[in-house]
Amino acid sequence: MQVRVAIVKTIGVLSSIALFATSGALAWAATEDYAARARVPMGVTLTGGRDLGGMTASEVRRALLDDIAASSREPLTITADGQTFTLDLRRHLTIDIEGAVASAFEPVLDSAINQRVWRTLADEPVYHDIEPAVSVDRESLASTVRTIAASVYRPAVDATITIESGAILIRESVPGRSTDVTVAVSILERTLLAGGERVTIPVDPVPPAVSETDLGRTIVVSLRSRTLKLYDGIEVDRTYRVAVGKPGYSTPRGSWEIVQKRYRPTWGNPGSAWAAEMPRFIPPGPGNPLGTRALNLSVPGIRIHGTSNVASIGTAASHGCIRMVRRDVEELYDLVDVGTRVLIVR
């Protein structure tokens, strides 16, 4: 009986010792693990090779900042339409330092305590490589691109024939230039994230609203040279000699247009003093003052018309109208439409 009691006591003592030893080991393991979790596991490195193993979070943060400072990139060189611009990366790139610090500790947080303790005891590295995530501030980048776009922008120039300061001004069309901000931002973003140093932003042509073809035909009458020129676009297509208004009945200068085309027109007496002895109407025929064709202009009482008085061509002889010989006015009649502009200058 005494022997059984002694055995039981011995087992109890041994169990207590084992339990105590186990508790002590667990306590030691917990203490070691707690200390280990405060430092980066061995084998964790920055992309590029720098060892972060054994560092605290603040030490990792400092190492990352030092690495970024040492490897800082040159400004991005941007070319657009032959112009060169530089992009300060600090304004547009954000480096996730805190995310990289957290990534350095991932092998600690993602493994069980027994694995962590074993790695500590065995001095076993984890082989974990980290690289700080880089993002682009698109709003800031778009602001910079808008500045570049404004610098390269050129408005399109329309083809024109007009009167300026009493003279004919002819301007040919010129395409403009513009930059699509959204497209340019995407190109720059890809270049920045890829580590590029140079990039070209596309510049698109802007077609003019009015080309030479759109301009169509324009009649230009010079009172001084007594000529009528028909332009096709901005090029002279025909030139005719004409008669213009005589003193006291000057042909009105300005920008007009053809409002009516009249084939074999009937002449109507305007009621002016010079027509007092003339009939109320003169039908088409050899004696008609308007000839075989007449183009009424938007200025009242003024026409481009034919005449049988060929000797008056090249002189100031009419009562304000523009006279042409028969073959010329008939040719012009077929070449123009209602709405054709008529510019009359000195």
Protein backbone atom coordinates (compact mmCIF):
# COMPACT_ATOMS: atom_id res chain seq x y z
CA MET A 1 0.00 0.00 0.00
CA GLN A 2 2.82 2.34 0.95
CA VAL A 3 4.58 1.53 -2.35
CA ARG A 4 1.46 2.53 -4.39
CA VAL A 5 1.24 5.80 -2.53
CA ALA A 6 4.90 6.54 -3.22
CA ILE A 7 4.46 5.79 -6.91
CA VAL A 8 1.44 8.06 -7.15
CA LYS A 9 3.32 10.85 -5.40
CA THR A 10 6.28 10.40 -7.74
CA ILE A 11 4.03 10.57 -10.81
CA GLY A 12 2.41 13.71 -9.46
CA VAL A 13 5.75 15.36 -8.86
CA LEU A 14 6.99 14.43 -12.34
CA SER A 15 3.76 15.69 -13.92
CA SER A 16 4.09 18.95 -12.06
CA ILE A 17 7.68 19.29 -13.20
CA ALA A 18 6.68 18.52 -16.82
CA LEU A 19 3.77 20.95 -16.65
CA PHE A 20 6.02 23.60 -15.20
CA ALA A 21 8.64 22.98 -17.87
CA THR A 22 6.01 23.10 -20.60
CA SER A 23 4.54 26.30 -19.18
CA GLY A 24 7.99 27.79 -19.01
CA ALA A 25 8.72 26.81 -22.60
CA LEU A 26 5.44 28.27 -23.78
CA ALA A 27 6.09 31.44 -21.84
CA TRP A 28 9.56 31.68 -23.36
CA ALA A 29 8.18 31.00 -26.83
CA ALA A 30 5.51 33.66 -26.38
CA THR A 31 8.10 36.15 -25.17
CA GLU A 32 10.39 35.36 -28.07
CA ASP A 33 7.51 35.58 -30.55
CA TYR A 34 6.40 38.92 -29.17
CA ALA A 35 9.91 40.26 -29.57
CA ALA A 36 10.23 38.73 -33.04
CA ARG A 37 7.01 40.31 -34.27
CA ALA A 38 8.43 43.74 -33.55
CA ARG A 39 11.16 43.17 -36.11
CA VAL A 40 11.23 42.24 -39.78
CA PRO A 41 12.06 38.56 -40.35
CA MET A 42 15.43 37.69 -41.79
CA GLY A 43 15.36 37.33 -45.56
CA VAL A 44 13.07 40.32 -46.22
CA THR A 45 14.71 42.65 -48.73
CA LEU A 46 13.91 45.72 -50.77
CA THR A 47 13.74 45.33 -54.52
CA GLY A 48 17.31 46.08 -55.42
CA GLY A 49 18.82 43.94 -52.67
CA ARG A 50 18.85 45.98 -49.44
CA ASP A 51 18.36 43.68 -46.43
CA LEU A 52 15.59 44.73 -44.03
CA GLY A 53 15.82 41.70 -41.75
CA GLY A 54 15.85 42.55 -38.03
CA MET A 55 14.65 46.14 -38.52
CA THR A 56 11.83 47.76 -36.58
CA ALA A 57 8.98 49.53 -38.40
CA SER A 58 10.61 52.94 -37.94
CA GLU A 59 13.93 51.59 -39.22
CA VAL A 60 12.22 50.11 -42.29
CA ARG A 61 10.50 53.44 -42.92
CA ARG A 62 13.83 55.26 -42.78
CA ALA A 63 15.46 52.67 -45.05
CA LEU A 64 12.69 53.13 -47.61
CA LEU A 65 13.04 56.92 -47.57
CA ASP A 66 16.82 56.65 -47.94
CA ASP A 67 16.42 54.23 -50.84
CA ILE A 68 13.95 56.54 -52.59
CA ALA A 69 16.24 59.54 -52.11
CA ALA A 70 19.22 57.62 -53.49
CA SER A 71 17.35 56.43 -56.56
CA SER A 72 15.39 59.62 -57.30
CA ARG A 73 14.61 59.91 -61.02
CA GLU A 74 15.28 62.80 -63.32
CA PRO A 75 12.28 64.92 -64.37
CA LEU A 76 10.26 63.46 -67.24
CA THR A 77 10.98 65.20 -70.56
CA ILE A 78 7.83 65.77 -72.62
CA THR A 79 7.78 66.74 -76.29
CA ALA A 80 4.68 68.19 -77.93
CA ASP A 81 4.61 69.77 -81.39
CA GLY A 82 8.35 70.49 -81.29
CA GLN A 83 8.20 72.10 -77.85
CA THR A 84 9.87 70.55 -74.81
CA PHE A 85 8.52 70.51 -71.26
CA THR A 86 9.77 68.94 -68.02
CA LEU A 87 7.59 67.20 -65.45
CA ASP A 88 8.59 67.34 -61.77
CA LEU A 89 7.89 63.81 -60.53
CA ARG A 90 7.47 64.92 -56.92
CA ARG A 91 4.28 66.76 -57.85
CA HIS A 92 2.66 63.82 -59.56
CA LEU A 93 3.93 60.56 -58.00
CA THR A 94 2.90 59.13 -54.62
CA ILE A 95 4.95 56.33 -53.02
CA ASP A 96 3.11 54.14 -50.50
CA ILE A 97 5.69 53.99 -47.69
CA GLU A 98 3.28 52.67 -45.05
CA GLY A 99 2.06 49.94 -47.37
CA ALA A 100 5.66 48.84 -47.95
CA VAL A 101 6.33 48.79 -44.18
CA ALA A 102 3.26 46.60 -43.67
CA SER A 103 4.43 44.31 -46.48
CA ALA A 104 7.79 43.84 -44.75
CA PHE A 105 5.98 42.40 -41.71
CA GLU A 106 3.59 40.18 -43.68
CA PRO A 107 5.67 36.97 -43.15
CA VAL A 108 5.29 37.52 -39.39
CA LEU A 109 1.57 38.17 -39.42
CA ASP A 110 0.67 35.49 -41.96
CA SER A 111 2.28 32.52 -40.13
CA ALA A 112 1.44 30.55 -36.97
CA ILE A 113 3.36 31.08 -33.71
CA ASN A 114 5.10 27.71 -33.95
CA GLN A 115 6.36 28.61 -37.43
CA ARG A 116 7.61 31.96 -36.22
CA VAL A 117 9.35 30.44 -33.20
CA TRP A 118 10.94 27.75 -35.35
CA ARG A 119 12.26 30.35 -37.82
CA THR A 120 13.67 32.32 -34.91
CA LEU A 121 15.37 29.29 -33.36
CA ALA A 122 16.64 27.98 -36.67
CA ASP A 123 17.56 31.45 -37.95
CA GLU A 124 15.62 30.54 -41.10
CA PRO A 125 15.09 33.39 -43.67
CA VAL A 126 11.71 33.94 -45.35
CA TYR A 127 12.91 35.24 -48.74
CA HIS A 128 10.36 38.03 -49.08
CA ASP A 129 11.02 40.90 -51.51
CA ILE A 130 9.09 44.18 -51.23
CA GLU A 131 8.72 47.16 -53.54
CA PRO A 132 6.82 50.32 -52.56
CA ALA A 133 3.70 50.83 -54.67
CA VAL A 134 3.78 53.97 -56.82
CA SER A 135 0.61 55.78 -57.92
CA VAL A 136 0.01 58.80 -60.11
CA ASP A 137 -2.04 61.81 -59.07
CA ARG A 138 -4.18 62.05 -62.22
CA GLU A 139 -5.80 65.34 -61.19
CA SER A 140 -2.42 67.02 -60.74
CA LEU A 141 -1.18 65.45 -63.97
CA ALA A 142 -4.25 66.67 -65.88
CA SER A 143 -3.60 70.21 -64.64
CA THR A 144 -0.06 70.08 -66.02
CA VAL A 145 -1.25 68.60 -69.33
CA ARG A 146 -3.82 71.38 -69.71
CA THR A 147 -1.01 73.91 -69.37
CA ILE A 148 1.00 72.10 -72.06
CA ALA A 149 -2.08 71.81 -74.29
CA ALA A 150 -2.70 75.55 -74.00
CA SER A 151 0.90 76.23 -75.05
CA VAL A 152 0.73 74.11 -78.22
CA TYR A 153 -2.86 75.01 -79.17
CA ARG A 154 -3.32 76.94 -82.38
CA PRO A 155 -6.78 77.81 -83.69
CA ALA A 156 -7.63 76.87 -87.24
CA VAL A 157 -7.77 79.73 -89.74
CA ASP A 158 -10.70 79.79 -92.14
CA ALA A 159 -10.32 80.59 -95.82
CA THR A 160 -11.71 84.08 -96.42
CA ILE A 161 -12.15 86.73 -99.05
CA THR A 162 -13.35 89.90 -97.41
CA ILE A 163 -13.03 93.67 -97.39
CA GLU A 164 -10.72 95.11 -94.75
CA SER A 165 -9.88 98.80 -94.55
CA GLY A 166 -11.41 99.27 -97.99
CA ALA A 167 -9.24 96.65 -99.66
CA ILE A 168 -9.70 93.00 -100.53
CA LEU A 169 -8.15 90.67 -97.98
CA ILE A 170 -7.55 87.08 -99.06
CA ARG A 171 -6.57 84.52 -96.45
CA GLU A 172 -6.00 80.85 -97.15
CA SER A 173 -7.14 78.22 -94.66
CA VAL A 174 -4.64 76.87 -92.13
CA PRO A 175 -5.26 73.81 -89.93
CA GLY A 176 -5.02 74.35 -86.19
CA ARG A 177 -3.41 72.16 -83.51
CA SER A 178 -4.81 70.75 -80.30
CA THR A 179 -4.03 68.11 -77.67
CA ASP A 180 -6.52 65.62 -76.25
CA VAL A 181 -5.95 66.06 -72.50
CA THR A 182 -7.47 62.69 -71.53
CA VAL A 183 -5.30 60.78 -74.01
CA ALA A 184 -2.18 62.70 -72.98
CA VAL A 185 -2.78 62.04 -69.27
CA SER A 186 -3.06 58.29 -69.93
CA ILE A 187 0.18 58.30 -71.96
CA LEU A 188 2.05 60.19 -69.24
CA GLU A 189 0.66 57.96 -66.51
CA ARG A 190 1.88 54.81 -68.27
CA THR A 191 5.28 56.40 -68.88
CA LEU A 192 5.67 57.48 -65.25
CA LEU A 193 4.73 54.07 -63.86
CA ALA A 194 7.09 52.35 -66.31
CA GLY A 195 9.98 54.58 -65.25
CA GLY A 196 10.34 56.27 -68.63
CA GLU A 197 12.43 59.41 -69.02
CA ARG A 198 11.10 60.81 -72.32
CA VAL A 199 7.69 60.82 -73.97
CA THR A 200 5.92 62.53 -76.87
CA ILE A 201 2.37 63.77 -76.52
CA PRO A 202 0.34 63.51 -79.75
CA VAL A 203 -0.89 66.77 -81.24
CA ASP A 204 -3.92 66.54 -83.51
CA PRO A 205 -4.70 68.78 -86.50
CA VAL A 206 -7.85 70.89 -86.25
CA PRO A 207 -9.49 71.37 -89.66
CA PRO A 208 -10.74 74.88 -90.48
CA ALA A 209 -14.49 75.43 -90.42
CA VAL A 210 -14.27 76.97 -93.91
CA SER A 211 -11.86 75.54 -96.47
CA GLU A 212 -11.14 76.95 -99.92
CA THR A 213 -13.69 74.51 -101.33
CA ASP A 214 -16.30 75.59 -98.79
CA LEU A 215 -15.68 79.22 -99.69
CA GLY A 216 -17.10 78.67 -103.16
CA ARG A 217 -17.25 81.49 -105.71
CA THR A 218 -16.88 85.20 -104.97
CA ILE A 219 -17.16 88.19 -107.30
CA VAL A 220 -14.75 91.07 -106.68
CA VAL A 221 -15.29 94.38 -108.53
CA SER A 222 -12.56 97.03 -108.56
CA LEU A 223 -13.92 100.48 -109.40
CA ARG A 224 -10.45 101.87 -109.98
CA SER A 225 -9.30 99.23 -112.46
CA ARG A 226 -12.85 98.68 -113.86
CA THR A 227 -12.48 94.93 -113.59
CA LEU A 228 -14.65 92.12 -112.30
CA LYS A 229 -12.83 89.04 -110.99
CA LEU A 230 -14.52 85.75 -110.29
CA TYR A 231 -12.77 83.78 -107.54
CA ASP A 232 -13.09 80.05 -107.05
CA GLY A 233 -12.07 79.63 -103.43
CA ILE A 234 -9.15 82.03 -103.11
CA GLU A 235 -7.94 81.66 -106.70
CA VAL A 236 -8.95 83.94 -109.57
CA ASP A 237 -10.94 81.90 -112.09
CA ARG A 238 -12.04 84.65 -114.54
CA THR A 239 -11.26 88.34 -115.07
CA TYR A 240 -13.56 90.66 -117.05
CA ARG A 241 -13.43 94.34 -118.01
CA VAL A 242 -16.53 96.26 -116.96
CA ALA A 243 -18.08 99.71 -116.89
CA VAL A 244 -18.94 101.24 -113.50
CA GLY A 245 -20.97 104.17 -112.21
CA LYS A 246 -20.13 107.64 -113.48
CA PRO A 247 -19.70 110.69 -111.22
CA GLY A 248 -22.91 111.39 -109.36
CA TYR A 249 -24.02 107.76 -109.81
CA SER A 250 -21.11 105.92 -108.24
CA THR A 251 -21.34 102.17 -107.83
CA PRO A 252 -21.81 101.48 -104.09
CA ARG A 253 -18.81 99.91 -102.38
CA GLY A 254 -19.27 97.14 -99.84
CA SER A 255 -20.11 93.49 -99.39
CA TRP A 256 -23.26 92.38 -101.22
CA GLU A 257 -24.67 89.22 -102.72
CA ILE A 258 -26.67 88.11 -105.74
CA VAL A 259 -30.35 87.98 -104.81
CA GLN A 260 -31.86 87.24 -108.23
CA LYS A 261 -30.70 85.86 -111.59
CA ARG A 262 -32.68 87.17 -114.57
CA TYR A 263 -32.60 85.57 -118.01
CA ARG A 264 -33.53 87.96 -120.84
CA PRO A 265 -34.73 90.53 -118.29
CA THR A 266 -37.35 93.22 -118.78
CA TRP A 267 -36.08 96.69 -117.91
CA GLY A 268 -38.28 98.70 -115.55
CA ASN A 269 -38.07 102.47 -115.34
CA PRO A 270 -36.69 103.38 -111.87
CA GLY A 271 -38.38 106.76 -111.91
CA SER A 272 -35.12 108.62 -111.68
CA ALA A 273 -34.50 111.97 -113.38
CA TRP A 274 -32.20 110.39 -115.95
CA ALA A 275 -34.99 107.98 -116.99
CA ALA A 276 -37.77 110.55 -117.17
CA GLU A 277 -37.97 110.42 -120.97
CA MET A 278 -37.78 106.62 -121.15
CA PRO A 279 -40.73 104.21 -121.33
CA ARG A 280 -42.09 102.48 -118.24
CA PHE A 281 -40.85 99.07 -119.43
CA ILE A 282 -38.53 97.82 -122.15
CA PRO A 283 -38.99 94.14 -123.03
CA PRO A 284 -36.13 91.77 -123.85
CA GLY A 285 -34.48 92.57 -127.16
CA PRO A 286 -31.80 94.66 -128.84
CA GLY A 287 -32.90 97.94 -127.23
CA ASN A 288 -33.02 96.60 -123.64
CA PRO A 289 -30.46 98.47 -121.42
CA LEU A 290 -29.91 95.29 -119.33
CA GLY A 291 -28.82 93.15 -122.26
CA THR A 292 -29.50 89.43 -122.20
CA ARG A 293 -28.65 88.69 -118.54
CA ALA A 294 -28.94 90.55 -115.24
CA LEU A 295 -27.76 89.69 -111.72
CA ASN A 296 -29.63 91.74 -109.12
CA LEU A 297 -27.57 92.59 -106.03
CA SER A 298 -28.69 93.00 -102.43
CA VAL A 299 -28.13 96.75 -102.67
CA PRO A 300 -31.33 98.27 -104.20
CA GLY A 301 -31.27 99.21 -107.87
CA ILE A 302 -27.80 97.84 -108.59
CA ARG A 303 -27.18 94.99 -111.03
CA ILE A 304 -24.44 93.29 -112.96
CA HIS A 305 -25.87 93.20 -116.47
CA GLY A 306 -25.09 93.16 -120.16
CA THR A 307 -24.89 96.14 -122.48
CA SER A 308 -24.86 96.83 -126.20
CA ASN A 309 -22.71 99.91 -125.59
CA VAL A 310 -19.40 98.10 -125.90
CA ALA A 311 -17.49 101.40 -126.05
CA SER A 312 -18.45 102.12 -122.42
CA ILE A 313 -16.57 99.07 -121.11
CA GLY A 314 -13.53 100.16 -119.12
CA THR A 315 -15.04 103.54 -118.27
CA ALA A 316 -17.24 105.13 -115.61
CA ALA A 317 -20.42 105.38 -117.66
CA SER A 318 -23.38 103.74 -115.88
CA HIS A 319 -25.94 104.98 -113.37
CA GLY A 320 -24.41 102.74 -110.69
CA CYS A 321 -24.73 99.31 -112.26
CA ILE A 322 -21.85 97.15 -113.46
CA ARG A 323 -21.94 96.63 -117.22
CA MET A 324 -20.43 93.73 -119.12
CA VAL A 325 -20.30 92.81 -122.79
CA ARG A 326 -22.83 90.17 -123.81
CA ARG A 327 -20.53 87.14 -124.04
CA ASP A 328 -18.98 87.93 -120.63
CA VAL A 329 -22.21 88.43 -118.72
CA GLU A 330 -23.70 85.29 -120.25
CA GLU A 331 -20.63 83.30 -119.18
CA LEU A 332 -20.69 84.78 -115.67
CA TYR A 333 -24.42 84.12 -115.37
CA ASP A 334 -23.83 80.39 -115.81
CA LEU A 335 -20.97 80.32 -113.28
CA VAL A 336 -22.68 81.89 -110.26
CA ASP A 337 -25.73 81.23 -108.11
CA VAL A 338 -28.10 83.26 -105.99
CA GLY A 339 -26.24 83.90 -102.74
CA THR A 340 -22.84 84.40 -104.40
CA ARG A 341 -21.01 87.20 -102.61
CA VAL A 342 -20.13 90.38 -104.51
CA LEU A 343 -17.40 92.57 -103.02
CA ILE A 344 -17.05 96.06 -104.50
CA VAL A 345 -13.97 98.12 -103.62
CA ARG A 346 -12.40 101.32 -104.84
